Amino acid sequence: MTNLIKTWAAAGPGKPFERFSYDPGPLKADEVEIHVEYCGLCHSDLSMWENAWGVSVYPLVPGHEVVGRIVARGGEVRGLNEGDRVGLGWFARSCMHCAQCLAGDYHLCAAAQATIVGRHGGFAERVRCHFAWAIPVPEALPASSSGPLFCGGITVFSPLMELGVRPVDRVGVVGIGGLGHLALQYLHAWGCDVTAFTSRAGKASDLQSLGAHRVVASTDERALTELAGSLDLLLVTTSAALDWPRFMTTLAPRGHLHFVGAVLEPLNIGAFSLISGQKSVSGSPLGRISTLRHMLDFTTRHKVEPIVEHCPMSRVNDAFNHLRSGKARYRIVLDPDFA
């Protein structure tokens, strides 16, 4: 019996995905091997495919929103058994002994390994990770749409806990796509007054159904003026460069401009715009393992669900083109069809 894992891989930046197999070697004592049932397609996969961040290694097997069943476990694995359904997100391993890990900040570990950076990810039959990063999926959550929770979901949920967001807060979400549509649902369930900032006015009715109390065009100067000094938090989920000094004016005193989208351009925010209202600019990468578990509980309790489009994994090239066109609503999930 061969141990080769079948995947879809790109040979270089922006090159088409083709069938690729690799030998993962012996399973480490602290690892689990997951049979991939579903794998979400994230904008980070697109960035890695194009080597936009300069860290991609080829052949590249993306995929870090995995849901599947454990089919093998190492001898040091605790709390997980073969047959358990788990989710795997951006991180596949952390050192477990540095100051950050010992404090529970495994996602801030300097030695943390991303699932698709220097490793082969979930556009595959199977994928491996350290057992701590294989998070049990509650039975009440549909496996077919839960993959995006392990990247997009935790990315927008974690700031609610880290920043101490209160049910009485007024929060704006900038960019309503794979991350933003989940942020609207979480914030609405959290009890916040929610404003959606979008570049597409035609989304208004959709965004209101997801939890937005108002929908504002990102370039509408009049609407931004009317919101001046009113928002406690602006959660930025887009990677686009916008007029951030203008958005800063919408923040109330002690307000936060918080980035979870990978905006590559400098922000050009003056010190006085921070000092005058004791405002802050911050960012965060995903979240703690404990926060992941809280997110899944909250998701189940409040019936938050990613809106997904399914596509056979054999059509991965079409899926990437659909994502790059900006037409995905709101997350693409690939269904492995190697057989």
Protein backbone atom coordinates (compact mmCIF):
# COMPACT_ATOMS: atom_id res chain seq x y z
CA MET A 1 0.00 0.00 0.00
CA THR A 2 1.47 3.35 -1.06
CA ASN A 3 1.79 6.20 1.39
CA LEU A 4 1.74 8.82 -1.37
CA ILE A 5 -0.71 11.67 -0.88
CA LYS A 6 -2.50 12.96 -3.97
CA THR A 7 -2.88 16.73 -4.23
CA TRP A 8 -3.40 19.67 -6.55
CA ALA A 9 -0.27 21.83 -6.75
CA ALA A 10 1.05 24.86 -8.63
CA ALA A 11 4.61 24.61 -9.96
CA GLY A 12 5.25 28.35 -9.73
CA PRO A 13 3.64 31.75 -9.06
CA GLY A 14 0.28 31.91 -10.83
CA LYS A 15 0.86 28.67 -12.73
CA PRO A 16 -2.08 26.28 -13.25
CA PHE A 17 -2.81 23.68 -10.62
CA GLU A 18 -1.98 20.14 -11.68
CA ARG A 19 -2.07 16.71 -10.08
CA PHE A 20 0.88 16.15 -7.76
CA SER A 21 1.73 13.36 -5.32
CA TYR A 22 4.22 13.33 -2.49
CA ASP A 23 5.48 10.99 0.21
CA PRO A 24 4.88 12.58 3.64
CA GLY A 25 7.26 10.17 5.38
CA PRO A 26 6.58 8.59 8.77
CA LEU A 27 3.87 10.14 10.90
CA LYS A 28 5.40 12.06 13.81
CA ALA A 29 4.49 10.96 17.33
CA ASP A 30 2.60 14.21 18.02
CA GLU A 31 0.79 14.39 14.67
CA VAL A 32 -2.55 13.34 13.28
CA GLU A 33 -3.32 12.61 9.65
CA ILE A 34 -6.65 13.94 8.39
CA HIS A 35 -8.64 12.59 5.47
CA VAL A 36 -9.88 15.76 3.79
CA GLU A 37 -13.65 15.90 3.31
CA TYR A 38 -13.88 19.62 2.46
CA CYS A 39 -11.39 22.47 2.08
CA GLY A 40 -12.24 26.15 1.87
CA LEU A 41 -10.52 28.47 -0.60
CA CYS A 42 -9.27 31.62 1.13
CA HIS A 43 -7.84 34.85 -0.28
CA SER A 44 -4.63 33.89 1.52
CA ASP A 45 -4.44 30.84 -0.76
CA LEU A 46 -4.63 33.25 -3.70
CA SER A 47 -1.85 35.40 -2.22
CA MET A 48 0.32 32.33 -1.64
CA TRP A 49 -0.35 31.05 -5.18
CA GLU A 50 0.83 34.38 -6.61
CA ASN A 51 3.67 34.67 -4.03
CA ALA A 52 2.33 38.09 -3.07
CA TRP A 53 3.97 37.81 0.36
CA GLY A 54 7.30 36.43 -0.84
CA VAL A 55 7.15 33.28 1.33
CA SER A 56 5.69 30.72 -1.08
CA VAL A 57 7.55 27.46 -1.78
CA TYR A 58 6.75 25.48 -4.93
CA PRO A 59 5.28 23.13 -5.80
CA LEU A 60 2.61 24.79 -3.69
CA VAL A 61 -0.32 22.82 -2.28
CA PRO A 62 -2.65 25.43 -0.72
CA GLY A 63 -5.64 24.79 1.50
CA HIS A 64 -5.91 25.74 5.16
CA GLU A 65 -9.65 25.54 5.85
CA VAL A 66 -9.85 21.79 6.18
CA VAL A 67 -12.62 19.65 7.62
CA GLY A 68 -12.07 15.91 7.71
CA ARG A 69 -11.72 12.72 9.71
CA ILE A 70 -8.61 11.56 11.55
CA VAL A 71 -7.30 8.40 9.88
CA ALA A 72 -4.02 8.02 11.77
CA ARG A 73 -2.54 9.31 15.01
CA GLY A 74 0.92 9.29 16.56
CA GLY A 75 1.67 7.70 19.90
CA GLU A 76 1.87 11.00 21.80
CA VAL A 77 -1.52 12.30 20.59
CA ARG A 78 -3.99 12.97 23.39
CA GLY A 79 -7.71 13.68 23.28
CA LEU A 80 -8.25 12.67 19.66
CA ASN A 81 -9.06 9.34 18.09
CA GLU A 82 -9.26 7.89 14.63
CA GLY A 83 -12.64 8.71 13.13
CA ASP A 84 -12.98 12.07 14.92
CA ARG A 85 -14.02 14.93 12.66
CA VAL A 86 -11.71 17.91 13.07
CA GLY A 87 -10.90 21.23 11.47
CA LEU A 88 -7.47 22.58 10.55
CA GLY A 89 -6.76 26.23 9.83
CA TRP A 90 -3.78 28.45 9.07
CA PHE A 91 -1.46 26.95 11.70
CA ALA A 92 -0.39 23.32 11.68
CA ARG A 93 2.24 23.35 14.43
CA SER A 94 3.75 25.51 17.17
CA CYS A 95 6.67 24.74 19.48
CA MET A 96 4.59 24.28 22.67
CA HIS A 97 7.41 25.42 24.98
CA CYS A 98 8.18 29.11 24.28
CA ALA A 99 6.80 31.94 26.43
CA GLN A 100 3.97 32.57 23.98
CA CYS A 101 2.90 28.94 23.81
CA LEU A 102 3.06 28.52 27.59
CA ALA A 103 0.81 31.58 27.89
CA GLY A 104 -1.71 30.03 25.50
CA ASP A 105 -0.72 32.28 22.58
CA TYR A 106 0.20 29.39 20.32
CA HIS A 107 -0.68 31.49 17.26
CA LEU A 108 2.03 34.01 18.24
CA CYS A 109 4.78 31.39 18.54
CA ALA A 110 7.87 32.53 16.62
CA ALA A 111 8.39 28.95 15.45
CA ALA A 112 4.78 28.35 14.44
CA GLN A 113 4.37 26.58 11.10
CA ALA A 114 1.62 27.68 8.75
CA THR A 115 -0.23 24.84 7.07
CA ILE A 116 0.71 26.04 3.56
CA VAL A 117 4.07 27.79 4.11
CA GLY A 118 6.84 25.30 3.46
CA ARG A 119 4.28 22.52 3.94
CA HIS A 120 1.68 20.85 1.77
CA GLY A 121 -1.86 21.89 2.65
CA GLY A 122 -5.41 20.69 2.25
CA PHE A 123 -5.96 20.65 -1.51
CA ALA A 124 -5.25 17.00 -1.04
CA GLU A 125 -6.55 13.59 -0.06
CA ARG A 126 -4.91 13.90 3.34
CA VAL A 127 -3.05 16.48 5.42
CA ARG A 128 -1.07 16.35 8.68
CA CYS A 129 -0.72 18.63 11.68
CA HIS A 130 0.26 18.71 15.35
CA PHE A 131 -2.68 17.30 17.26
CA ALA A 132 -3.29 20.53 19.24
CA TRP A 133 -4.21 22.32 16.00
CA ALA A 134 -6.74 19.66 14.97
CA ILE A 135 -9.88 21.13 16.52
CA PRO A 136 -12.95 18.89 17.00
CA VAL A 137 -15.92 20.03 14.93
CA PRO A 138 -19.20 20.04 16.90
CA GLU A 139 -21.71 17.56 15.52
CA ALA A 140 -24.29 20.34 15.25
CA LEU A 141 -22.21 22.19 12.64
CA PRO A 142 -22.53 21.12 8.99
CA ALA A 143 -19.17 19.73 7.90
CA SER A 144 -19.70 20.90 4.33
CA SER A 145 -19.62 24.60 5.26
CA SER A 146 -17.50 24.62 8.43
CA GLY A 147 -14.05 24.77 6.84
CA PRO A 148 -14.05 28.60 6.50
CA LEU A 149 -14.57 28.91 10.25
CA PHE A 150 -11.00 27.70 10.85
CA CYS A 151 -9.48 30.69 9.08
CA GLY A 152 -12.06 33.34 8.17
CA GLY A 153 -14.21 32.65 11.23
CA ILE A 154 -11.51 32.74 13.88
CA THR A 155 -9.82 35.72 12.20
CA VAL A 156 -12.87 37.94 12.74
CA PHE A 157 -14.06 36.35 15.98
CA SER A 158 -10.80 36.64 17.90
CA PRO A 159 -10.74 40.49 17.99
CA LEU A 160 -14.12 40.50 19.73
CA MET A 161 -12.52 38.75 22.69
CA GLU A 162 -9.03 40.26 22.47
CA LEU A 163 -10.31 43.86 22.29
CA GLY A 164 -13.07 43.41 24.85
CA VAL A 165 -15.87 44.32 22.46
CA ARG A 166 -19.11 44.93 24.37
CA PRO A 167 -22.73 44.34 23.27
CA VAL A 168 -23.32 48.11 23.51
CA ASP A 169 -20.48 48.95 21.10
CA ARG A 170 -20.90 50.38 17.62
CA VAL A 171 -18.75 48.48 15.16
CA GLY A 172 -17.97 48.95 11.48
CA VAL A 173 -16.81 46.17 9.18
CA VAL A 174 -14.76 47.30 6.19
CA GLY A 175 -14.90 44.84 3.29
CA ILE A 176 -17.68 42.26 3.05
CA GLY A 177 -16.33 39.09 1.54
CA GLY A 178 -15.26 35.77 2.98
CA LEU A 179 -14.24 37.34 6.29
CA GLY A 180 -16.62 40.27 6.40
CA HIS A 181 -19.82 38.30 5.92
CA LEU A 182 -18.90 36.23 8.98
CA ALA A 183 -17.96 39.33 10.97
CA LEU A 184 -21.43 40.79 10.39
CA GLN A 185 -23.05 37.63 11.74
CA TYR A 186 -20.81 37.41 14.80
CA LEU A 187 -21.17 41.09 15.69
CA HIS A 188 -24.95 40.99 15.30
CA ALA A 189 -25.15 37.92 17.56
CA TRP A 190 -22.75 39.67 19.99
CA GLY A 191 -25.32 42.45 20.36
CA CYS A 192 -23.41 45.27 18.62
CA ASP A 193 -24.74 48.02 16.41
CA VAL A 194 -23.19 47.05 13.06
CA THR A 195 -22.24 49.15 10.04
CA ALA A 196 -21.07 47.43 6.84
CA PHE A 197 -18.68 49.34 4.58
CA THR A 198 -18.65 47.93 1.07
CA SER A 199 -17.57 48.90 -2.43
CA ARG A 200 -20.69 47.26 -3.90
CA ALA A 201 -23.95 49.04 -3.16
CA GLY A 202 -25.92 46.16 -4.66
CA LYS A 203 -25.07 44.02 -1.63
CA ALA A 204 -27.17 46.12 0.77
CA SER A 205 -30.12 43.75 1.23
CA ASP A 206 -27.78 40.75 1.60
CA LEU A 207 -25.70 42.51 4.22
CA GLN A 208 -28.72 43.58 6.22
CA SER A 209 -29.92 39.99 6.28
CA LEU A 210 -26.50 39.01 7.66
CA GLY A 211 -26.76 41.46 10.53
CA ALA A 212 -25.79 44.93 9.32
CA HIS A 213 -27.96 47.72 10.71
CA ARG A 214 -26.73 50.05 7.98
CA VAL A 215 -24.74 49.69 4.78
CA VAL A 216 -22.36 52.43 3.65
CA ALA A 217 -20.37 52.77 0.43
CA SER A 218 -16.66 52.85 1.30
CA THR A 219 -16.17 55.96 -0.86
CA ASP A 220 -19.28 57.86 0.26
CA GLU A 221 -17.79 61.03 1.81
CA ARG A 222 -21.14 62.27 3.10
CA ALA A 223 -21.92 59.01 4.88
CA LEU A 224 -18.46 58.90 6.42
CA THR A 225 -18.93 62.48 7.65
CA GLU A 226 -22.25 61.57 9.25
CA LEU A 227 -20.53 58.71 11.12
CA ALA A 228 -17.76 60.94 12.47
CA GLY A 229 -16.80 60.10 16.06
CA SER A 230 -19.37 57.31 16.41
CA LEU A 231 -17.66 53.92 16.06
CA ASP A 232 -15.89 52.06 18.84
CA LEU A 233 -14.23 49.62 16.45
CA LEU A 234 -13.50 49.45 12.73
CA LEU A 235 -12.70 45.87 11.77
CA VAL A 236 -10.85 45.87 8.45
CA THR A 237 -11.22 42.58 6.57
CA THR A 238 -10.23 43.81 3.12
CA SER A 239 -6.74 43.75 1.61
CA ALA A 240 -7.48 46.82 -0.52
CA ALA A 241 -5.80 50.17 0.11
CA LEU A 242 -8.42 52.71 1.27
CA ASP A 243 -8.39 56.24 2.69
CA TRP A 244 -7.49 55.19 6.23
CA PRO A 245 -7.12 58.74 7.62
CA ARG A 246 -10.70 59.33 6.46
CA PHE A 247 -11.89 56.16 8.18
CA MET A 248 -10.09 57.22 11.36
CA THR A 249 -12.50 60.17 11.63
CA THR A 250 -15.41 57.75 12.16
CA LEU A 251 -13.87 56.44 15.40
CA ALA A 252 -15.10 57.55 18.80
CA PRO A 253 -12.57 58.44 21.52
CA ARG A 254 -10.61 55.30 22.51
CA GLY A 255 -11.75 53.70 19.25
CA HIS A 256 -9.77 50.97 17.47
CA LEU A 257 -8.89 50.62 13.80
CA HIS A 258 -8.11 46.91 13.70
CA PHE A 259 -6.71 45.04 10.69
CA VAL A 260 -7.25 41.38 9.96
CA GLY A 261 -7.01 41.85 6.19
CA ALA A 262 -3.50 41.83 4.73
CA VAL A 263 -3.25 45.39 3.41
CA LEU A 264 0.21 45.59 1.86
CA GLU A 265 0.45 49.37 1.36
CA PRO A 266 1.58 51.73 4.18
CA LEU A 267 -1.37 53.11 6.14
CA ASN A 268 -0.33 56.80 6.18
CA ILE A 269 -2.02 57.58 9.50
CA GLY A 270 -0.77 60.66 11.32
CA ALA A 271 0.10 60.61 15.02
CA PHE A 272 -2.31 63.44 15.87
CA SER A 273 -5.28 61.43 14.60
CA LEU A 274 -4.38 58.87 17.27
CA ILE A 275 -3.41 61.24 20.05
CA SER A 276 -6.42 63.54 19.91
CA GLY A 277 -8.95 60.84 20.76
CA GLN A 278 -6.61 58.30 22.34
CA LYS A 279 -7.31 56.03 19.41
CA SER A 280 -5.30 53.00 18.34
CA VAL A 281 -4.36 51.01 15.26
CA SER A 282 -3.82 47.29 15.69
CA GLY A 283 -3.97 43.92 13.97
CA SER A 284 -4.22 40.24 14.77
CA PRO A 285 -3.48 36.86 13.16
CA LEU A 286 -6.26 34.32 13.68
CA GLY A 287 -6.51 33.46 17.39
CA ARG A 288 -5.73 31.19 20.31
CA ILE A 289 -6.65 27.51 20.26
CA SER A 290 -8.95 28.19 23.22
CA THR A 291 -10.59 31.02 21.25
CA LEU A 292 -11.12 28.65 18.32
CA ARG A 293 -13.08 26.38 20.62
CA HIS A 294 -15.09 29.32 22.02
CA MET A 295 -15.81 30.42 18.44
CA LEU A 296 -17.19 27.00 17.53
CA ASP A 297 -19.43 27.00 20.62
CA PHE A 298 -20.67 30.52 19.82
CA THR A 299 -21.18 29.60 16.16
CA THR A 300 -23.28 26.61 17.13
CA ARG A 301 -25.32 28.50 19.73
CA HIS A 302 -26.12 31.45 17.47
CA LYS A 303 -26.42 29.48 14.22
CA VAL A 304 -23.72 31.45 12.43
CA GLU A 305 -22.95 29.78 9.11
CA PRO A 306 -20.57 30.64 6.29
CA ILE A 307 -22.27 31.19 2.97
CA VAL A 308 -20.39 28.95 0.58
CA GLU A 309 -20.24 27.84 -3.03
CA HIS A 310 -19.08 24.27 -3.59
CA CYS A 311 -16.76 23.22 -6.38
CA PRO A 312 -15.07 19.87 -7.15
CA MET A 313 -11.37 20.03 -6.30
CA SER A 314 -10.60 18.90 -9.85
CA ARG A 315 -11.89 22.34 -10.95
CA VAL A 316 -9.51 24.19 -8.63
CA ASN A 317 -8.28 26.43 -11.46
CA ASP A 318 -11.83 27.59 -12.17
CA ALA A 319 -12.32 28.19 -8.45
CA PHE A 320 -9.25 30.43 -8.25
CA ASN A 321 -10.41 32.43 -11.26
CA HIS A 322 -13.83 32.84 -9.66
CA LEU A 323 -12.24 34.04 -6.42
CA ARG A 324 -9.91 36.44 -8.22
CA SER A 325 -12.85 37.92 -10.14
CA GLY A 326 -14.44 38.99 -6.84
CA LYS A 327 -17.66 37.13 -7.64
CA ALA A 328 -17.46 34.45 -4.93
CA ARG A 329 -20.40 34.56 -2.52
CA TYR A 330 -18.89 34.48 -0.01
CA ARG A 331 -16.51 31.55 0.36
CA ILE A 332 -15.62 28.75 -2.05
CA VAL A 333 -15.33 25.23 -0.64
CA LEU A 334 -13.58 22.52 -2.64
CA ASP A 335 -14.85 18.94 -2.50
CA PRO A 336 -12.03 16.39 -3.05
CA ASP A 337 -12.78 14.10 -6.00
CA PHE A 338 -9.51 12.25 -6.50
CA ALA A 339 -11.30 8.95 -7.08
